[in-house]
PDB file of all heavy atoms in Angstrom:
ATOM      1  N   MET A   1     -34.747   4.322 -36.331  1.00  0.00           N
ATOM      2  CA  MET A   1     -34.749   5.149 -37.512  1.00  0.00           C
ATOM      3  C   MET A   1     -34.932   6.608 -37.128  1.00  0.00           C
ATOM      4  O   MET A   1     -35.806   6.958 -36.358  1.00  0.00           O
ATOM      5  CB  MET A   1     -35.881   4.713 -38.443  1.00  0.00           C
ATOM      6  CG  MET A   1     -35.965   5.527 -39.685  1.00  0.00           C
ATOM      7  SD  MET A   1     -37.293   4.864 -40.719  1.00  0.00           S
ATOM      8  CE  MET A   1     -37.315   6.117 -41.936  1.00  0.00           C
ATOM      9  N   VAL A   2     -34.092   7.461 -37.671  1.00  0.00           N
ATOM     10  CA  VAL A   2     -34.159   8.883 -37.394  1.00  0.00           C
ATOM     11  C   VAL A   2     -34.923   9.562 -38.521  1.00  0.00           C
ATOM     12  O   VAL A   2     -34.621   9.366 -39.690  1.00  0.00           O
ATOM     13  CB  VAL A   2     -32.739   9.489 -37.274  1.00  0.00           C
ATOM     14  CG1 VAL A   2     -32.810  10.989 -37.088  1.00  0.00           C
ATOM     15  CG2 VAL A   2     -31.985   8.836 -36.142  1.00  0.00           C
ATOM     16  N   ASP A   3     -35.925  10.337 -38.160  1.00  0.00           N
ATOM     17  CA  ASP A   3     -36.672  11.091 -39.154  1.00  0.00           C
ATOM     18  C   ASP A   3     -35.942  12.394 -39.437  1.00  0.00           C
ATOM     19  O   ASP A   3     -35.375  13.003 -38.533  1.00  0.00           O
ATOM     20  CB  ASP A   3     -38.083  11.406 -38.648  1.00  0.00           C
ATOM     21  CG  ASP A   3     -38.936  10.170 -38.537  1.00  0.00           C
ATOM     22  OD1 ASP A   3     -38.840   9.319 -39.443  1.00  0.00           O
ATOM     23  OD2 ASP A   3     -39.683  10.045 -37.563  1.00  0.00           O
ATOM     24  N   TYR A   4     -35.986  12.820 -40.678  1.00  0.00           N
ATOM     25  CA  TYR A   4     -35.348  14.072 -41.053  1.00  0.00           C
ATOM     26  C   TYR A   4     -36.420  15.119 -41.307  1.00  0.00           C
ATOM     27  O   TYR A   4     -37.317  14.916 -42.112  1.00  0.00           O
ATOM     28  CB  TYR A   4     -34.484  13.915 -42.313  1.00  0.00           C
ATOM     29  CG  TYR A   4     -34.030  15.254 -42.829  1.00  0.00           C
ATOM     30  CD1 TYR A   4     -33.023  15.957 -42.180  1.00  0.00           C
ATOM     31  CD2 TYR A   4     -34.634  15.834 -43.932  1.00  0.00           C
ATOM     32  CE1 TYR A   4     -32.620  17.195 -42.620  1.00  0.00           C
ATOM     33  CE2 TYR A   4     -34.233  17.081 -44.379  1.00  0.00           C
ATOM     34  CZ  TYR A   4     -33.227  17.759 -43.722  1.00  0.00           C
ATOM     35  OH  TYR A   4     -32.841  18.990 -44.152  1.00  0.00           O
ATOM     36  N   TYR A   5     -36.315  16.204 -40.604  1.00  0.00           N
ATOM     37  CA  TYR A   5     -37.167  17.364 -40.825  1.00  0.00           C
ATOM     38  C   TYR A   5     -36.251  18.572 -40.955  1.00  0.00           C
ATOM     39  O   TYR A   5     -35.400  18.795 -40.093  1.00  0.00           O
ATOM     40  CB  TYR A   5     -38.117  17.589 -39.650  1.00  0.00           C
ATOM     41  CG  TYR A   5     -39.155  16.514 -39.484  1.00  0.00           C
ATOM     42  CD1 TYR A   5     -38.951  15.448 -38.616  1.00  0.00           C
ATOM     43  CD2 TYR A   5     -40.354  16.585 -40.188  1.00  0.00           C
ATOM     44  CE1 TYR A   5     -39.919  14.467 -38.459  1.00  0.00           C
ATOM     45  CE2 TYR A   5     -41.324  15.603 -40.038  1.00  0.00           C
ATOM     46  CZ  TYR A   5     -41.101  14.559 -39.169  1.00  0.00           C
ATOM     47  OH  TYR A   5     -42.052  13.586 -39.010  1.00  0.00           O
ATOM     48  N   PRO A   6     -36.408  19.347 -42.001  1.00  0.00           N
ATOM     49  CA  PRO A   6     -35.590  20.546 -42.119  1.00  0.00           C
ATOM     50  C   PRO A   6     -36.007  21.571 -41.058  1.00  0.00           C
ATOM     51  O   PRO A   6     -37.184  21.647 -40.688  1.00  0.00           O
ATOM     52  CB  PRO A   6     -35.893  21.054 -43.530  1.00  0.00           C
ATOM     53  CG  PRO A   6     -37.220  20.480 -43.873  1.00  0.00           C
ATOM     54  CD  PRO A   6     -37.321  19.183 -43.125  1.00  0.00           C
ATOM     55  N   TRP A   7     -35.055  22.296 -40.559  1.00  0.00           N
ATOM     56  CA  TRP A   7     -35.318  23.387 -39.632  1.00  0.00           C
ATOM     57  C   TRP A   7     -34.217  24.415 -39.822  1.00  0.00           C
ATOM     58  O   TRP A   7     -33.212  24.159 -40.461  1.00  0.00           O
ATOM     59  CB  TRP A   7     -35.428  22.895 -38.188  1.00  0.00           C
ATOM     60  CG  TRP A   7     -34.208  22.224 -37.618  1.00  0.00           C
ATOM     61  CD1 TRP A   7     -33.788  20.952 -37.862  1.00  0.00           C
ATOM     62  CD2 TRP A   7     -33.239  22.798 -36.733  1.00  0.00           C
ATOM     63  NE1 TRP A   7     -32.635  20.692 -37.181  1.00  0.00           N
ATOM     64  CE2 TRP A   7     -32.273  21.811 -36.473  1.00  0.00           C
ATOM     65  CE3 TRP A   7     -33.108  24.042 -36.125  1.00  0.00           C
ATOM     66  CZ2 TRP A   7     -31.184  22.037 -35.633  1.00  0.00           C
ATOM     67  CZ3 TRP A   7     -32.020  24.260 -35.286  1.00  0.00           C
ATOM     68  CH2 TRP A   7     -31.084  23.264 -35.038  1.00  0.00           C
ATOM     69  N   ASN A   8     -34.396  25.590 -39.282  1.00  0.00           N
ATOM     70  CA  ASN A   8     -33.502  26.703 -39.546  1.00  0.00           C
ATOM     71  C   ASN A   8     -32.298  26.709 -38.606  1.00  0.00           C
ATOM     72  O   ASN A   8     -32.205  27.543 -37.697  1.00  0.00           O
ATOM     73  CB  ASN A   8     -34.277  28.024 -39.468  1.00  0.00           C
ATOM     74  CG  ASN A   8     -33.531  29.176 -40.068  1.00  0.00           C
ATOM     75  OD1 ASN A   8     -32.345  29.078 -40.365  1.00  0.00           O
ATOM     76  ND2 ASN A   8     -34.231  30.280 -40.243  1.00  0.00           N
ATOM     77  N   VAL A   9     -31.378  25.809 -38.832  1.00  0.00           N
ATOM     78  CA  VAL A   9     -30.159  25.748 -38.018  1.00  0.00           C
ATOM     79  C   VAL A   9     -29.324  27.016 -38.227  1.00  0.00           C
ATOM     80  O   VAL A   9     -28.599  27.442 -37.327  1.00  0.00           O
ATOM     81  CB  VAL A   9     -29.345  24.458 -38.294  1.00  0.00           C
ATOM     82  CG1 VAL A   9     -28.761  24.452 -39.676  1.00  0.00           C
ATOM     83  CG2 VAL A   9     -28.265  24.252 -37.242  1.00  0.00           C
ATOM     84  N   GLN A  10     -29.465  27.653 -39.382  1.00  0.00           N
ATOM     85  CA  GLN A  10     -28.724  28.892 -39.656  1.00  0.00           C
ATOM     86  C   GLN A  10     -29.125  29.998 -38.674  1.00  0.00           C
ATOM     87  O   GLN A  10     -28.261  30.727 -38.172  1.00  0.00           O
ATOM     88  CB  GLN A  10     -28.968  29.358 -41.099  1.00  0.00           C
ATOM     89  CG  GLN A  10     -28.190  30.615 -41.461  1.00  0.00           C
ATOM     90  CD  GLN A  10     -26.682  30.416 -41.408  1.00  0.00           C
ATOM     91  OE1 GLN A  10     -26.165  29.462 -41.944  1.00  0.00           O
ATOM     92  NE2 GLN A  10     -25.984  31.321 -40.741  1.00  0.00           N
ATOM     93  N   ALA A  11     -30.411  30.119 -38.379  1.00  0.00           N
ATOM     94  CA  ALA A  11     -30.863  31.130 -37.415  1.00  0.00           C
ATOM     95  C   ALA A  11     -30.264  30.854 -36.037  1.00  0.00           C
ATOM     96  O   ALA A  11     -29.808  31.780 -35.347  1.00  0.00           O
ATOM     97  CB  ALA A  11     -32.385  31.145 -37.342  1.00  0.00           C
ATOM     98  N   LEU A  12     -30.251  29.594 -35.641  1.00  0.00           N
ATOM     99  CA  LEU A  12     -29.682  29.225 -34.345  1.00  0.00           C
ATOM    100  C   LEU A  12     -28.180  29.509 -34.321  1.00  0.00           C
ATOM    101  O   LEU A  12     -27.668  30.087 -33.362  1.00  0.00           O
ATOM    102  CB  LEU A  12     -29.951  27.747 -34.047  1.00  0.00           C
ATOM    103  CG  LEU A  12     -29.419  27.227 -32.722  1.00  0.00           C
ATOM    104  CD1 LEU A  12     -29.971  28.009 -31.538  1.00  0.00           C
ATOM    105  CD2 LEU A  12     -29.739  25.751 -32.571  1.00  0.00           C
ATOM    106  N   ALA A  13     -27.482  29.131 -35.375  1.00  0.00           N
ATOM    107  CA  ALA A  13     -26.037  29.352 -35.436  1.00  0.00           C
ATOM    108  C   ALA A  13     -25.696  30.836 -35.420  1.00  0.00           C
ATOM    109  O   ALA A  13     -24.747  31.255 -34.752  1.00  0.00           O
ATOM    110  CB  ALA A  13     -25.450  28.691 -36.677  1.00  0.00           C
ATOM    111  N   THR A  14     -26.474  31.637 -36.124  1.00  0.00           N
ATOM    112  CA  THR A  14     -26.243  33.088 -36.133  1.00  0.00           C
ATOM    113  C   THR A  14     -26.385  33.651 -34.724  1.00  0.00           C
ATOM    114  O   THR A  14     -25.569  34.456 -34.278  1.00  0.00           O
ATOM    115  CB  THR A  14     -27.220  33.781 -37.103  1.00  0.00           C
ATOM    116  OG1 THR A  14     -26.985  33.276 -38.416  1.00  0.00           O
ATOM    117  CG2 THR A  14     -27.053  35.289 -37.091  1.00  0.00           C
ATOM    118  N   TRP A  15     -27.412  33.203 -34.013  1.00  0.00           N
ATOM    119  CA  TRP A  15     -27.606  33.663 -32.642  1.00  0.00           C
ATOM    120  C   TRP A  15     -26.456  33.183 -31.741  1.00  0.00           C
ATOM    121  O   TRP A  15     -25.924  33.955 -30.943  1.00  0.00           O
ATOM    122  CB  TRP A  15     -28.948  33.187 -32.100  1.00  0.00           C
ATOM    123  CG  TRP A  15     -29.082  33.473 -30.640  1.00  0.00           C
ATOM    124  CD1 TRP A  15     -29.265  34.692 -30.049  1.00  0.00           C
ATOM    125  CD2 TRP A  15     -28.983  32.528 -29.571  1.00  0.00           C
ATOM    126  NE1 TRP A  15     -29.295  34.555 -28.685  1.00  0.00           N
ATOM    127  CE2 TRP A  15     -29.123  33.237 -28.375  1.00  0.00           C
ATOM    128  CE3 TRP A  15     -28.803  31.151 -29.535  1.00  0.00           C
ATOM    129  CZ2 TRP A  15     -29.090  32.603 -27.140  1.00  0.00           C
ATOM    130  CZ3 TRP A  15     -28.773  30.530 -28.305  1.00  0.00           C
ATOM    131  CH2 TRP A  15     -28.910  31.252 -27.121  1.00  0.00           C
ATOM    132  N   LEU A  16     -26.057  31.911 -31.881  1.00  0.00           N
ATOM    133  CA  LEU A  16     -24.944  31.395 -31.079  1.00  0.00           C
ATOM    134  C   LEU A  16     -23.672  32.205 -31.338  1.00  0.00           C
ATOM    135  O   LEU A  16     -22.948  32.565 -30.408  1.00  0.00           O
ATOM    136  CB  LEU A  16     -24.694  29.917 -31.384  1.00  0.00           C
ATOM    137  CG  LEU A  16     -25.756  28.926 -30.910  1.00  0.00           C
ATOM    138  CD1 LEU A  16     -25.497  27.552 -31.500  1.00  0.00           C
ATOM    139  CD2 LEU A  16     -25.804  28.871 -29.393  1.00  0.00           C
ATOM    140  N   LYS A  17     -23.413  32.508 -32.610  1.00  0.00           N
ATOM    141  CA  LYS A  17     -22.229  33.302 -32.965  1.00  0.00           C
ATOM    142  C   LYS A  17     -22.302  34.696 -32.355  1.00  0.00           C
ATOM    143  O   LYS A  17     -21.282  35.228 -31.911  1.00  0.00           O
ATOM    144  CB  LYS A  17     -22.090  33.389 -34.484  1.00  0.00           C
ATOM    145  CG  LYS A  17     -21.668  32.079 -35.115  1.00  0.00           C
ATOM    146  CD  LYS A  17     -21.677  32.157 -36.633  1.00  0.00           C
ATOM    147  CE  LYS A  17     -21.397  30.802 -37.246  1.00  0.00           C
ATOM    148  NZ  LYS A  17     -21.520  30.789 -38.706  1.00  0.00           N
ATOM    149  N   SER A  18     -23.497  35.278 -32.301  1.00  0.00           N
ATOM    150  CA  SER A  18     -23.629  36.607 -31.694  1.00  0.00           C
ATOM    151  C   SER A  18     -23.378  36.547 -30.185  1.00  0.00           C
ATOM    152  O   SER A  18     -22.795  37.468 -29.612  1.00  0.00           O
ATOM    153  CB  SER A  18     -24.990  37.228 -31.998  1.00  0.00           C
ATOM    154  OG  SER A  18     -26.023  36.580 -31.297  1.00  0.00           O
ATOM    155  N   GLU A  19     -23.804  35.478 -29.546  1.00  0.00           N
ATOM    156  CA  GLU A  19     -23.529  35.305 -28.112  1.00  0.00           C
ATOM    157  C   GLU A  19     -22.026  35.165 -27.872  1.00  0.00           C
ATOM    158  O   GLU A  19     -21.479  35.747 -26.934  1.00  0.00           O
ATOM    159  CB  GLU A  19     -24.261  34.065 -27.571  1.00  0.00           C
ATOM    160  CG  GLU A  19     -25.755  34.224 -27.456  1.00  0.00           C
ATOM    161  CD  GLU A  19     -26.164  35.190 -26.365  1.00  0.00           C
ATOM    162  OE1 GLU A  19     -25.814  34.963 -25.190  1.00  0.00           O
ATOM    163  OE2 GLU A  19     -26.843  36.190 -26.695  1.00  0.00           O
ATOM    164  N   ILE A  20     -21.372  34.407 -28.733  1.00  0.00           N
ATOM    165  CA  ILE A  20     -19.921  34.219 -28.615  1.00  0.00           C
ATOM    166  C   ILE A  20     -19.194  35.536 -28.896  1.00  0.00           C
ATOM    167  O   ILE A  20     -18.265  35.912 -28.185  1.00  0.00           O
ATOM    168  CB  ILE A  20     -19.450  33.076 -29.542  1.00  0.00           C
ATOM    169  CG1 ILE A  20     -20.011  31.735 -29.032  1.00  0.00           C
ATOM    170  CG2 ILE A  20     -17.936  33.032 -29.649  1.00  0.00           C
ATOM    171  CD1 ILE A  20     -19.898  30.576 -30.006  1.00  0.00           C
ATOM    172  N   ALA A  21     -19.646  36.267 -29.911  1.00  0.00           N
ATOM    173  CA  ALA A  21     -19.036  37.561 -30.245  1.00  0.00           C
ATOM    174  C   ALA A  21     -19.224  38.580 -29.125  1.00  0.00           C
ATOM    175  O   ALA A  21     -18.387  39.474 -28.945  1.00  0.00           O
ATOM    176  CB  ALA A  21     -19.635  38.100 -31.542  1.00  0.00           C
ATOM    177  N   ALA A  22     -20.296  38.437 -28.356  1.00  0.00           N
ATOM    178  CA  ALA A  22     -20.565  39.342 -27.239  1.00  0.00           C
ATOM    179  C   ALA A  22     -19.729  38.999 -26.010  1.00  0.00           C
ATOM    180  O   ALA A  22     -19.839  39.655 -24.976  1.00  0.00           O
ATOM    181  CB  ALA A  22     -22.048  39.322 -26.894  1.00  0.00           C
ATOM    182  N   GLY A  23     -18.892  37.961 -26.122  1.00  0.00           N
ATOM    183  CA  GLY A  23     -17.974  37.649 -25.030  1.00  0.00           C
ATOM    184  C   GLY A  23     -18.206  36.330 -24.319  1.00  0.00           C
ATOM    185  O   GLY A  23     -17.422  35.954 -23.456  1.00  0.00           O
ATOM    186  N   LYS A  24     -19.275  35.633 -24.651  1.00  0.00           N
ATOM    187  CA  LYS A  24     -19.494  34.322 -24.029  1.00  0.00           C
ATOM    188  C   LYS A  24     -18.557  33.309 -24.665  1.00  0.00           C
ATOM    189  O   LYS A  24     -18.465  33.222 -25.887  1.00  0.00           O
ATOM    190  CB  LYS A  24     -20.928  33.843 -24.267  1.00  0.00           C
ATOM    191  CG  LYS A  24     -21.953  34.488 -23.403  1.00  0.00           C
ATOM    192  CD  LYS A  24     -22.299  33.578 -22.264  1.00  0.00           C
ATOM    193  CE  LYS A  24     -23.523  34.125 -21.560  1.00  0.00           C
ATOM    194  NZ  LYS A  24     -23.549  33.791 -20.174  1.00  0.00           N
ATOM    195  N   LYS A  25     -17.878  32.569 -23.859  1.00  0.00           N
ATOM    196  CA  LYS A  25     -17.074  31.449 -24.351  1.00  0.00           C
ATOM    197  C   LYS A  25     -18.023  30.279 -24.625  1.00  0.00           C
ATOM    198  O   LYS A  25     -19.048  30.125 -23.963  1.00  0.00           O
ATOM    199  CB  LYS A  25     -16.037  31.033 -23.308  1.00  0.00           C
ATOM    200  CG  LYS A  25     -15.103  32.155 -22.897  1.00  0.00           C
ATOM    201  CD  LYS A  25     -13.926  32.213 -23.818  1.00  0.00           C
ATOM    202  CE  LYS A  25     -12.889  33.164 -23.266  1.00  0.00           C
ATOM    203  NZ  LYS A  25     -12.586  34.251 -24.151  1.00  0.00           N
ATOM    204  N   ARG A  26     -17.671  29.465 -25.608  1.00  0.00           N
ATOM    205  CA  ARG A  26     -18.551  28.345 -25.959  1.00  0.00           C
ATOM    206  C   ARG A  26     -18.828  27.424 -24.774  1.00  0.00           C
ATOM    207  O   ARG A  26     -19.984  27.026 -24.577  1.00  0.00           O
ATOM    208  CB  ARG A  26     -17.979  27.574 -27.155  1.00  0.00           C
ATOM    209  CG  ARG A  26     -19.038  26.754 -27.840  1.00  0.00           C
ATOM    210  CD  ARG A  26     -18.638  26.232 -29.183  1.00  0.00           C
ATOM    211  NE  ARG A  26     -17.470  25.377 -29.076  1.00  0.00           N
ATOM    212  CZ  ARG A  26     -16.638  25.121 -30.074  1.00  0.00           C
ATOM    213  NH1 ARG A  26     -16.831  25.649 -31.252  1.00  0.00           N
ATOM    214  NH2 ARG A  26     -15.607  24.330 -29.901  1.00  0.00           N
ATOM    215  N   PRO A  27     -17.825  27.087 -23.933  1.00  0.00           N
ATOM    216  CA  PRO A  27     -18.140  26.239 -22.765  1.00  0.00           C
ATOM    217  C   PRO A  27     -19.120  26.906 -21.795  1.00  0.00           C
ATOM    218  O   PRO A  27     -19.993  26.244 -21.234  1.00  0.00           O
ATOM    219  CB  PRO A  27     -16.777  26.019 -22.100  1.00  0.00           C
ATOM    220  CG  PRO A  27     -15.776  26.259 -23.181  1.00  0.00           C
ATOM    221  CD  PRO A  27     -16.376  27.299 -24.068  1.00  0.00           C
ATOM    222  N   GLU A  28     -18.989  28.217 -21.610  1.00  0.00           N
ATOM    223  CA  GLU A  28     -19.905  28.951 -20.725  1.00  0.00           C
ATOM    224  C   GLU A  28     -21.323  28.955 -21.297  1.00  0.00           C
ATOM    225  O   GLU A  28     -22.297  28.798 -20.566  1.00  0.00           O
ATOM    226  CB  GLU A  28     -19.448  30.398 -20.544  1.00  0.00           C
ATOM    227  CG  GLU A  28     -18.131  30.565 -19.829  1.00  0.00           C
ATOM    228  CD  GLU A  28     -17.605  31.990 -19.923  1.00  0.00           C
ATOM    229  OE1 GLU A  28     -18.179  32.835 -20.649  1.00  0.00           O
ATOM    230  OE2 GLU A  28     -16.584  32.258 -19.269  1.00  0.00           O
ATOM    231  N   LEU A  29     -21.409  29.159 -22.597  1.00  0.00           N
ATOM    232  CA  LEU A  29     -22.704  29.174 -23.256  1.00  0.00           C
ATOM    233  C   LEU A  29     -23.363  27.795 -23.171  1.00  0.00           C
ATOM    234  O   LEU A  29     -24.553  27.682 -22.879  1.00  0.00           O
ATOM    235  CB  LEU A  29     -22.541  29.616 -24.711  1.00  0.00           C
ATOM    236  CG  LEU A  29     -23.809  29.839 -25.522  1.00  0.00           C
ATOM    237  CD1 LEU A  29     -24.743  30.828 -24.845  1.00  0.00           C
ATOM    238  CD2 LEU A  29     -23.454  30.320 -26.928  1.00  0.00           C
ATOM    239  N   ALA A  30     -22.570  26.765 -23.387  1.00  0.00           N
ATOM    240  CA  ALA A  30     -23.085  25.393 -23.284  1.00  0.00           C
ATOM    241  C   ALA A  30     -23.622  25.130 -21.878  1.00  0.00           C
ATOM    242  O   ALA A  30     -24.699  24.555 -21.709  1.00  0.00           O
ATOM    243  CB  ALA A  30     -21.994  24.389 -23.647  1.00  0.00           C
ATOM    244  N   GLU A  31     -22.891  25.586 -20.885  1.00  0.00           N
ATOM    245  CA  GLU A  31     -23.323  25.390 -19.499  1.00  0.00           C
ATOM    246  C   GLU A  31     -24.603  26.181 -19.209  1.00  0.00           C
ATOM    247  O   GLU A  31     -25.537  25.657 -18.599  1.00  0.00           O
ATOM    248  CB  GLU A  31     -22.223  25.812 -18.533  1.00  0.00           C
ATOM    249  CG  GLU A  31     -22.553  25.533 -17.087  1.00  0.00           C
ATOM    250  CD  GLU A  31     -21.413  25.870 -16.141  1.00  0.00           C
ATOM    251  OE1 GLU A  31     -20.240  25.795 -16.543  1.00  0.00           O
ATOM    252  OE2 GLU A  31     -21.713  26.208 -14.991  1.00  0.00           O
ATOM    253  N   ALA A  32     -24.644  27.420 -19.652  1.00  0.00           N
ATOM    254  CA  ALA A  32     -25.824  28.252 -19.421  1.00  0.00           C
ATOM    255  C   ALA A  32     -27.061  27.675 -20.109  1.00  0.00           C
ATOM    256  O   ALA A  32     -28.173  27.735 -19.568  1.00  0.00           O
ATOM    257  CB  ALA A  32     -25.570  29.677 -19.899  1.00  0.00           C
ATOM    258  N   LEU A  33     -26.858  27.120 -21.291  1.00  0.00           N
ATOM    259  CA  LEU A  33     -27.963  26.512 -22.032  1.00  0.00           C
ATOM    260  C   LEU A  33     -28.297  25.106 -21.544  1.00  0.00           C
ATOM    261  O   LEU A  33     -29.335  24.559 -21.883  1.00  0.00           O
ATOM    262  CB  LEU A  33     -27.617  26.439 -23.527  1.00  0.00           C
ATOM    263  CG  LEU A  33     -27.659  27.741 -24.297  1.00  0.00           C
ATOM    264  CD1 LEU A  33     -26.985  27.578 -25.652  1.00  0.00           C
ATOM    265  CD2 LEU A  33     -29.096  28.201 -24.471  1.00  0.00           C
ATOM    266  N   GLN A  34     -27.379  24.510 -20.796  1.00  0.00           N
ATOM    267  CA  GLN A  34     -27.499  23.121 -20.348  1.00  0.00           C
ATOM    268  C   GLN A  34     -27.570  22.179 -21.553  1.00  0.00           C
ATOM    269  O   GLN A  34     -28.361  21.228 -21.594  1.00  0.00           O
ATOM    270  CB  GLN A  34     -28.702  22.939 -19.424  1.00  0.00           C
ATOM    271  CG  GLN A  34     -28.613  23.776 -18.173  1.00  0.00           C
ATOM    272  CD  GLN A  34     -29.844  23.681 -17.311  1.00  0.00           C
ATOM    273  OE1 GLN A  34     -30.906  23.254 -17.736  1.00  0.00           O
ATOM    274  NE2 GLN A  34     -29.705  24.086 -16.056  1.00  0.00           N
ATOM    275  N   ILE A  35     -26.727  22.497 -22.541  1.00  0.00           N
ATOM    276  CA  ILE A  35     -26.610  21.700 -23.760  1.00  0.00           C
ATOM    277  C   ILE A  35     -25.135  21.384 -23.936  1.00  0.00           C
ATOM    278  O   ILE A  35     -24.302  22.294 -23.843  1.00  0.00           O
ATOM    279  CB  ILE A  35     -27.162  22.469 -24.985  1.00  0.00           C
ATOM    280  CG1 ILE A  35     -28.670  22.724 -24.818  1.00  0.00           C
ATOM    281  CG2 ILE A  35     -26.880  21.714 -26.286  1.00  0.00           C
ATOM    282  CD1 ILE A  35     -29.276  23.614 -25.878  1.00  0.00           C
ATOM    283  N   PRO A  36     -24.767  20.132 -24.175  1.00  0.00           N
ATOM    284  CA  PRO A  36     -23.354  19.784 -24.323  1.00  0.00           C
ATOM    285  C   PRO A  36     -22.656  20.635 -25.394  1.00  0.00           C
ATOM    286  O   PRO A  36     -23.238  20.944 -26.433  1.00  0.00           O
ATOM    287  CB  PRO A  36     -23.379  18.313 -24.727  1.00  0.00           C
ATOM    288  CG  PRO A  36     -24.689  17.804 -24.235  1.00  0.00           C
ATOM    289  CD  PRO A  36     -25.651  18.959 -24.345  1.00  0.00           C
ATOM    290  N   GLU A  37     -21.423  20.997 -25.110  1.00  0.00           N
ATOM    291  CA  GLU A  37     -20.659  21.848 -26.022  1.00  0.00           C
ATOM    292  C   GLU A  37     -20.519  21.236 -27.415  1.00  0.00           C
ATOM    293  O   GLU A  37     -20.564  21.947 -28.419  1.00  0.00           O
ATOM    294  CB  GLU A  37     -19.275  22.137 -25.435  1.00  0.00           C
ATOM    295  CG  GLU A  37     -18.512  23.155 -26.231  1.00  0.00           C
ATOM    296  CD  GLU A  37     -17.153  23.478 -25.638  1.00  0.00           C
ATOM    297  OE1 GLU A  37     -16.828  22.994 -24.541  1.00  0.00           O
ATOM    298  OE2 GLU A  37     -16.410  24.214 -26.309  1.00  0.00           O
ATOM    299  N   HIS A  38     -20.394  19.908 -27.502  1.00  0.00           N
ATOM    300  CA  HIS A  38     -20.240  19.292 -28.823  1.00  0.00           C
ATOM    301  C   HIS A  38     -21.498  19.477 -29.685  1.00  0.00           C
ATOM    302  O   HIS A  38     -21.412  19.527 -30.902  1.00  0.00           O
ATOM    303  CB  HIS A  38     -19.846  17.810 -28.708  1.00  0.00           C
ATOM    304  CG  HIS A  38     -20.941  16.895 -28.286  1.00  0.00           C
ATOM    305  ND1 HIS A  38     -21.275  16.686 -26.955  1.00  0.00           N
ATOM    306  CD2 HIS A  38     -21.792  16.142 -29.012  1.00  0.00           C
ATOM    307  CE1 HIS A  38     -22.278  15.835 -26.888  1.00  0.00           C
ATOM    308  NE2 HIS A  38     -22.622  15.487 -28.125  1.00  0.00           N
ATOM    309  N   ILE A  39     -22.649  19.621 -29.043  1.00  0.00           N
ATOM    310  CA  ILE A  39     -23.889  19.884 -29.785  1.00  0.00           C
ATOM    311  C   ILE A  39     -23.860  21.307 -30.345  1.00  0.00           C
ATOM    312  O   ILE A  39     -24.216  21.533 -31.505  1.00  0.00           O
ATOM    313  CB  ILE A  39     -25.136  19.681 -28.895  1.00  0.00           C
ATOM    314  CG1 ILE A  39     -25.226  18.245 -28.387  1.00  0.00           C
ATOM    315  CG2 ILE A  39     -26.408  20.110 -29.631  1.00  0.00           C
ATOM    316  CD1 ILE A  39     -25.464  17.204 -29.458  1.00  0.00           C
ATOM    317  N   LEU A  40     -23.409  22.262 -29.530  1.00  0.00           N
ATOM    318  CA  LEU A  40     -23.291  23.644 -30.025  1.00  0.00           C
ATOM    319  C   LEU A  40     -22.342  23.686 -31.215  1.00  0.00           C
ATOM    320  O   LEU A  40     -22.635  24.342 -32.229  1.00  0.00           O
ATOM    321  CB  LEU A  40     -22.779  24.583 -28.931  1.00  0.00           C
ATOM    322  CG  LEU A  40     -23.631  24.767 -27.683  1.00  0.00           C
ATOM    323  CD1 LEU A  40     -23.034  25.847 -26.793  1.00  0.00           C
ATOM    324  CD2 LEU A  40     -25.067  25.076 -28.027  1.00  0.00           C
TER     325      LEU A  40
END
């Protein structure tokens, strides 16, 4: 069973978008974060 807790995914997405806008490609960002690209 997965528990649901709200969290601020919008803040994370805004930051991810700013990293991408600054020139990071999503695969590069995923690698740097060590988080699979599909999660991003």
